[in-house]
PDB file of all heavy atoms in Angstrom:
ATOM      1  N   SER A   1      89.667  86.330 102.283  1.00  0.00           N
ATOM      2  CA  SER A   1      90.331  85.479 101.286  1.00  0.00           C
ATOM      3  C   SER A   1      91.560  86.088 100.729  1.00  0.00           C
ATOM      4  O   SER A   1      92.525  85.266 100.393  1.00  0.00           O
ATOM      5  CB  SER A   1      89.288  85.211 100.195  1.00  0.00           C
ATOM      6  OG  SER A   1      88.891  86.462  99.536  1.00  0.00           O
ATOM      7  N   HIS A   2      91.647  87.337 100.586  1.00  0.00           N
ATOM      8  CA  HIS A   2      92.879  88.005 100.045  1.00  0.00           C
ATOM      9  C   HIS A   2      94.022  87.775 101.017  1.00  0.00           C
ATOM     10  O   HIS A   2      95.161  87.524 100.615  1.00  0.00           O
ATOM     11  CB  HIS A   2      92.649  89.444  99.765  1.00  0.00           C
ATOM     12  CG  HIS A   2      91.978  89.698  98.391  1.00  0.00           C
ATOM     13  ND1 HIS A   2      92.136  90.905  97.792  1.00  0.00           N
ATOM     14  CD2 HIS A   2      91.249  88.950  97.586  1.00  0.00           C
ATOM     15  CE1 HIS A   2      91.520  90.895  96.596  1.00  0.00           C
ATOM     16  NE2 HIS A   2      91.006  89.664  96.549  1.00  0.00           N
ATOM     17  N   ALA A   3      93.665  87.932 102.270  1.00  0.00           N
ATOM     18  CA  ALA A   3      94.828  87.865 103.317  1.00  0.00           C
ATOM     19  C   ALA A   3      95.303  86.358 103.327  1.00  0.00           C
ATOM     20  O   ALA A   3      96.543  86.151 103.480  1.00  0.00           O
ATOM     21  CB  ALA A   3      94.299  88.228 104.663  1.00  0.00           C
ATOM     22  N   ILE A   4      94.382  85.484 103.230  1.00  0.00           N
ATOM     23  CA  ILE A   4      94.804  83.999 103.203  1.00  0.00           C
ATOM     24  C   ILE A   4      95.731  83.754 101.999  1.00  0.00           C
ATOM     25  O   ILE A   4      96.740  83.127 102.179  1.00  0.00           O
ATOM     26  CB  ILE A   4      93.528  83.151 103.207  1.00  0.00           C
ATOM     27  CG1 ILE A   4      92.850  83.212 104.647  1.00  0.00           C
ATOM     28  CG2 ILE A   4      93.972  81.649 102.993  1.00  0.00           C
ATOM     29  CD1 ILE A   4      91.483  82.558 104.607  1.00  0.00           C
ATOM     30  N   ALA A   5      95.330  84.281 100.874  1.00  0.00           N
ATOM     31  CA  ALA A   5      96.144  84.047  99.661  1.00  0.00           C
ATOM     32  C   ALA A   5      97.490  84.727  99.798  1.00  0.00           C
ATOM     33  O   ALA A   5      98.520  84.233  99.324  1.00  0.00           O
ATOM     34  CB  ALA A   5      95.448  84.618  98.499  1.00  0.00           C
ATOM     35  N   GLN A   6      97.528  85.930 100.465  1.00  0.00           N
ATOM     36  CA  GLN A   6      98.867  86.562 100.630  1.00  0.00           C
ATOM     37  C   GLN A   6      99.800  85.903 101.591  1.00  0.00           C
ATOM     38  O   GLN A   6     100.998  86.194 101.560  1.00  0.00           O
ATOM     39  CB  GLN A   6      98.553  88.022 101.181  1.00  0.00           C
ATOM     40  CG  GLN A   6      97.853  88.921 100.204  1.00  0.00           C
ATOM     41  CD  GLN A   6      97.173  90.114 100.824  1.00  0.00           C
ATOM     42  OE1 GLN A   6      97.527  90.459 101.979  1.00  0.00           O
ATOM     43  NE2 GLN A   6      96.206  90.734 100.205  1.00  0.00           N
ATOM     44  N   CYS A   7      99.318  84.878 102.335  1.00  0.00           N
ATOM     45  CA  CYS A   7     100.166  84.171 103.312  1.00  0.00           C
ATOM     46  C   CYS A   7     100.237  82.694 102.970  1.00  0.00           C
ATOM     47  O   CYS A   7     100.458  81.895 103.807  1.00  0.00           O
ATOM     48  CB  CYS A   7      99.567  84.344 104.714  1.00  0.00           C
ATOM     49  SG  CYS A   7      99.439  86.043 105.233  1.00  0.00           S
ATOM     50  N   HIS A   8     100.097  82.410 101.716  1.00  0.00           N
ATOM     51  CA  HIS A   8     100.082  81.009 101.206  1.00  0.00           C
ATOM     52  C   HIS A   8     101.336  80.230 101.655  1.00  0.00           C
ATOM     53  O   HIS A   8     101.225  79.109 102.138  1.00  0.00           O
ATOM     54  CB  HIS A   8      99.915  80.972  99.718  1.00  0.00           C
ATOM     55  CG  HIS A   8     100.117  79.596  99.105  1.00  0.00           C
ATOM     56  ND1 HIS A   8      99.218  78.575  99.236  1.00  0.00           N
ATOM     57  CD2 HIS A   8     101.197  79.006  98.474  1.00  0.00           C
ATOM     58  CE1 HIS A   8      99.662  77.471  98.685  1.00  0.00           C
ATOM     59  NE2 HIS A   8     100.846  77.719  98.224  1.00  0.00           N
ATOM     60  N   LYS A   9     102.537  80.848 101.493  1.00  0.00           N
ATOM     61  CA  LYS A   9     103.770  80.054 101.779  1.00  0.00           C
ATOM     62  C   LYS A   9     103.863  79.724 103.239  1.00  0.00           C
ATOM     63  O   LYS A   9     104.216  78.614 103.619  1.00  0.00           O
ATOM     64  CB  LYS A   9     104.972  80.948 101.360  1.00  0.00           C
ATOM     65  CG  LYS A   9     105.086  81.089  99.833  1.00  0.00           C
ATOM     66  CD  LYS A   9     106.357  81.950  99.512  1.00  0.00           C
ATOM     67  CE  LYS A   9     106.458  82.129  97.994  1.00  0.00           C
ATOM     68  NZ  LYS A   9     107.573  83.017  97.658  1.00  0.00           N
ATOM     69  N   PHE A  10     103.507  80.683 104.090  1.00  0.00           N
ATOM     70  CA  PHE A  10     103.615  80.367 105.586  1.00  0.00           C
ATOM     71  C   PHE A  10     102.509  79.310 105.905  1.00  0.00           C
ATOM     72  O   PHE A  10     102.908  78.380 106.644  1.00  0.00           O
ATOM     73  CB  PHE A  10     103.296  81.671 106.363  1.00  0.00           C
ATOM     74  CG  PHE A  10     103.088  81.428 107.833  1.00  0.00           C
ATOM     75  CD1 PHE A  10     104.227  81.456 108.689  1.00  0.00           C
ATOM     76  CD2 PHE A  10     101.895  81.228 108.391  1.00  0.00           C
ATOM     77  CE1 PHE A  10     104.150  81.246 110.034  1.00  0.00           C
ATOM     78  CE2 PHE A  10     101.783  80.971 109.803  1.00  0.00           C
ATOM     79  CZ  PHE A  10     102.931  80.973 110.598  1.00  0.00           C
ATOM     80  N   LEU A  11     101.345  79.401 105.402  1.00  0.00           N
ATOM     81  CA  LEU A  11     100.377  78.419 105.725  1.00  0.00           C
ATOM     82  C   LEU A  11     100.714  77.041 105.186  1.00  0.00           C
ATOM     83  O   LEU A  11     100.504  76.045 105.909  1.00  0.00           O
ATOM     84  CB  LEU A  11      98.978  78.873 105.157  1.00  0.00           C
ATOM     85  CG  LEU A  11      98.351  80.073 105.728  1.00  0.00           C
ATOM     86  CD1 LEU A  11      97.110  80.491 104.971  1.00  0.00           C
ATOM     87  CD2 LEU A  11      98.086  79.975 107.285  1.00  0.00           C
ATOM     88  N   HIS A  12     101.336  76.970 104.019  1.00  0.00           N
ATOM     89  CA  HIS A  12     101.651  75.735 103.466  1.00  0.00           C
ATOM     90  C   HIS A  12     102.842  75.056 104.239  1.00  0.00           C
ATOM     91  O   HIS A  12     102.903  73.820 104.307  1.00  0.00           O
ATOM     92  CB  HIS A  12     102.130  75.909 101.951  1.00  0.00           C
ATOM     93  CG  HIS A  12     102.481  74.654 101.239  1.00  0.00           C
ATOM     94  ND1 HIS A  12     101.523  73.715 100.934  1.00  0.00           N
ATOM     95  CD2 HIS A  12     103.643  74.232 100.808  1.00  0.00           C
ATOM     96  CE1 HIS A  12     102.177  72.759 100.398  1.00  0.00           C
ATOM     97  NE2 HIS A  12     103.487  72.953 100.225  1.00  0.00           N
ATOM     98  N   THR A  13     103.755  75.832 104.713  1.00  0.00           N
ATOM     99  CA  THR A  13     104.904  75.237 105.420  1.00  0.00           C
ATOM    100  C   THR A  13     104.688  75.072 106.958  1.00  0.00           C
ATOM    101  O   THR A  13     105.047  74.053 107.495  1.00  0.00           O
ATOM    102  CB  THR A  13     106.181  76.136 105.207  1.00  0.00           C
ATOM    103  OG1 THR A  13     105.886  77.480 105.654  1.00  0.00           O
ATOM    104  CG2 THR A  13     106.558  76.229 103.732  1.00  0.00           C
ATOM    105  N   GLU A  14     104.041  76.021 107.538  1.00  0.00           N
ATOM    106  CA  GLU A  14     103.949  75.980 109.013  1.00  0.00           C
ATOM    107  C   GLU A  14     102.629  75.395 109.545  1.00  0.00           C
ATOM    108  O   GLU A  14     102.527  74.862 110.606  1.00  0.00           O
ATOM    109  CB  GLU A  14     104.088  77.409 109.641  1.00  0.00           C
ATOM    110  CG  GLU A  14     105.378  78.129 109.263  1.00  0.00           C
ATOM    111  CD  GLU A  14     106.606  77.435 109.932  1.00  0.00           C
ATOM    112  OE1 GLU A  14     106.393  76.747 110.986  1.00  0.00           O
ATOM    113  OE2 GLU A  14     107.655  77.498 109.373  1.00  0.00           O
ATOM    114  N   LEU A  15     101.567  75.520 108.734  1.00  0.00           N
ATOM    115  CA  LEU A  15     100.280  75.017 109.154  1.00  0.00           C
ATOM    116  C   LEU A  15      99.648  74.145 107.949  1.00  0.00           C
ATOM    117  O   LEU A  15      98.455  74.268 107.662  1.00  0.00           O
ATOM    118  CB  LEU A  15      99.348  76.116 109.494  1.00  0.00           C
ATOM    119  CG  LEU A  15      99.684  76.935 110.752  1.00  0.00           C
ATOM    120  CD1 LEU A  15      98.829  78.126 110.910  1.00  0.00           C
ATOM    121  CD2 LEU A  15      99.679  76.113 111.972  1.00  0.00           C
ATOM    122  N   LYS A  16     100.458  73.346 107.358  1.00  0.00           N
ATOM    123  CA  LYS A  16     100.076  72.501 106.212  1.00  0.00           C
ATOM    124  C   LYS A  16      98.919  71.586 106.585  1.00  0.00           C
ATOM    125  O   LYS A  16      98.949  70.926 107.582  1.00  0.00           O
ATOM    126  CB  LYS A  16     101.248  71.712 105.689  1.00  0.00           C
ATOM    127  CG  LYS A  16     100.997  71.015 104.417  1.00  0.00           C
ATOM    128  CD  LYS A  16     102.280  70.349 103.791  1.00  0.00           C
ATOM    129  CE  LYS A  16     102.013  69.787 102.455  1.00  0.00           C
ATOM    130  NZ  LYS A  16     103.212  69.212 101.899  1.00  0.00           N
ATOM    131  N   GLY A  17      97.924  71.668 105.758  1.00  0.00           N
ATOM    132  CA  GLY A  17      96.712  70.793 105.923  1.00  0.00           C
ATOM    133  C   GLY A  17      95.699  71.367 106.875  1.00  0.00           C
ATOM    134  O   GLY A  17      94.605  70.786 106.987  1.00  0.00           O
ATOM    135  N   ILE A  18      96.006  72.508 107.550  1.00  0.00           N
ATOM    136  CA  ILE A  18      95.019  73.189 108.406  1.00  0.00           C
ATOM    137  C   ILE A  18      94.009  73.928 107.582  1.00  0.00           C
ATOM    138  O   ILE A  18      94.427  74.751 106.751  1.00  0.00           O
ATOM    139  CB  ILE A  18      95.732  74.095 109.411  1.00  0.00           C
ATOM    140  CG1 ILE A  18      96.781  73.293 110.205  1.00  0.00           C
ATOM    141  CG2 ILE A  18      94.713  74.806 110.287  1.00  0.00           C
ATOM    142  CD1 ILE A  18      96.223  72.202 111.019  1.00  0.00           C
ATOM    143  N   PRO A  19      92.717  73.733 107.755  1.00  0.00           N
ATOM    144  CA  PRO A  19      91.745  74.432 106.910  1.00  0.00           C
ATOM    145  C   PRO A  19      91.726  75.972 107.178  1.00  0.00           C
ATOM    146  O   PRO A  19      92.000  76.384 108.201  1.00  0.00           O
ATOM    147  CB  PRO A  19      90.464  73.743 107.346  1.00  0.00           C
ATOM    148  CG  PRO A  19      90.696  73.227 108.682  1.00  0.00           C
ATOM    149  CD  PRO A  19      92.125  72.792 108.743  1.00  0.00           C
ATOM    150  N   THR A  20      91.453  76.721 106.102  1.00  0.00           N
ATOM    151  CA  THR A  20      91.225  78.089 106.242  1.00  0.00           C
ATOM    152  C   THR A  20      89.671  78.419 106.065  1.00  0.00           C
ATOM    153  O   THR A  20      88.997  77.743 105.339  1.00  0.00           O
ATOM    154  CB  THR A  20      92.053  78.841 105.202  1.00  0.00           C
ATOM    155  OG1 THR A  20      91.662  78.380 103.793  1.00  0.00           O
ATOM    156  CG2 THR A  20      93.523  78.627 105.364  1.00  0.00           C
ATOM    157  N   VAL A  21      89.307  79.500 106.736  1.00  0.00           N
ATOM    158  CA  VAL A  21      87.891  79.848 106.717  1.00  0.00           C
ATOM    159  C   VAL A  21      87.810  81.347 106.365  1.00  0.00           C
ATOM    160  O   VAL A  21      88.419  82.238 106.910  1.00  0.00           O
ATOM    161  CB  VAL A  21      87.233  79.707 108.109  1.00  0.00           C
ATOM    162  CG1 VAL A  21      85.740  80.134 108.022  1.00  0.00           C
ATOM    163  CG2 VAL A  21      87.389  78.262 108.575  1.00  0.00           C
ATOM    164  N   ASN A  22      87.121  81.557 105.253  1.00  0.00           N
ATOM    165  CA  ASN A  22      86.966  83.028 104.830  1.00  0.00           C
ATOM    166  C   ASN A  22      86.004  83.834 105.676  1.00  0.00           C
ATOM    167  O   ASN A  22      84.920  83.314 106.040  1.00  0.00           O
ATOM    168  CB  ASN A  22      86.481  83.034 103.335  1.00  0.00           C
ATOM    169  CG  ASN A  22      87.503  82.502 102.374  1.00  0.00           C
ATOM    170  OD1 ASN A  22      88.655  82.393 102.657  1.00  0.00           O
ATOM    171  ND2 ASN A  22      87.011  82.142 101.191  1.00  0.00           N
ATOM    172  N   THR A  23      86.370  85.062 105.921  1.00  0.00           N
ATOM    173  CA  THR A  23      85.583  86.003 106.660  1.00  0.00           C
ATOM    174  C   THR A  23      85.331  87.293 105.813  1.00  0.00           C
ATOM    175  O   THR A  23      86.090  87.509 104.824  1.00  0.00           O
ATOM    176  CB  THR A  23      86.100  86.333 108.034  1.00  0.00           C
ATOM    177  OG1 THR A  23      87.468  86.874 107.927  1.00  0.00           O
ATOM    178  CG2 THR A  23      86.183  85.121 108.932  1.00  0.00           C
ATOM    179  N   THR A  24      84.484  88.172 106.247  1.00  0.00           N
ATOM    180  CA  THR A  24      84.215  89.421 105.508  1.00  0.00           C
ATOM    181  C   THR A  24      85.420  90.369 105.528  1.00  0.00           C
ATOM    182  O   THR A  24      85.522  91.212 104.673  1.00  0.00           O
ATOM    183  CB  THR A  24      82.966  90.048 105.990  1.00  0.00           C
ATOM    184  OG1 THR A  24      83.012  90.336 107.425  1.00  0.00           O
ATOM    185  CG2 THR A  24      81.721  89.219 105.738  1.00  0.00           C
ATOM    186  N   SER A  25      86.226  90.274 106.566  1.00  0.00           N
ATOM    187  CA  SER A  25      87.409  91.177 106.637  1.00  0.00           C
ATOM    188  C   SER A  25      88.417  90.428 107.689  1.00  0.00           C
ATOM    189  O   SER A  25      87.993  89.494 108.328  1.00  0.00           O
ATOM    190  CB  SER A  25      86.980  92.476 107.207  1.00  0.00           C
ATOM    191  OG  SER A  25      86.561  92.401 108.589  1.00  0.00           O
ATOM    192  N   THR A  26      89.582  90.960 107.667  1.00  0.00           N
ATOM    193  CA  THR A  26      90.564  90.442 108.574  1.00  0.00           C
ATOM    194  C   THR A  26      90.190  90.758 110.058  1.00  0.00           C
ATOM    195  O   THR A  26      90.380  89.931 110.963  1.00  0.00           O
ATOM    196  CB  THR A  26      92.005  91.081 108.327  1.00  0.00           C
ATOM    197  OG1 THR A  26      91.864  92.520 108.379  1.00  0.00           O
ATOM    198  CG2 THR A  26      92.505  90.576 106.962  1.00  0.00           C
ATOM    199  N   ALA A  27      89.674  91.947 110.264  1.00  0.00           N
ATOM    200  CA  ALA A  27      89.164  92.291 111.606  1.00  0.00           C
ATOM    201  C   ALA A  27      88.028  91.423 112.112  1.00  0.00           C
ATOM    202  O   ALA A  27      87.950  91.106 113.316  1.00  0.00           O
ATOM    203  CB  ALA A  27      88.780  93.789 111.696  1.00  0.00           C
TER     204      ALA A  27
END
């Protein structure tokens, strides 16, 4: 969830509307 939040601008502009799924870690 922290990594997703840290990349909000990219996700909003390049993958807008694409759902995100939280995992226990980035790895």
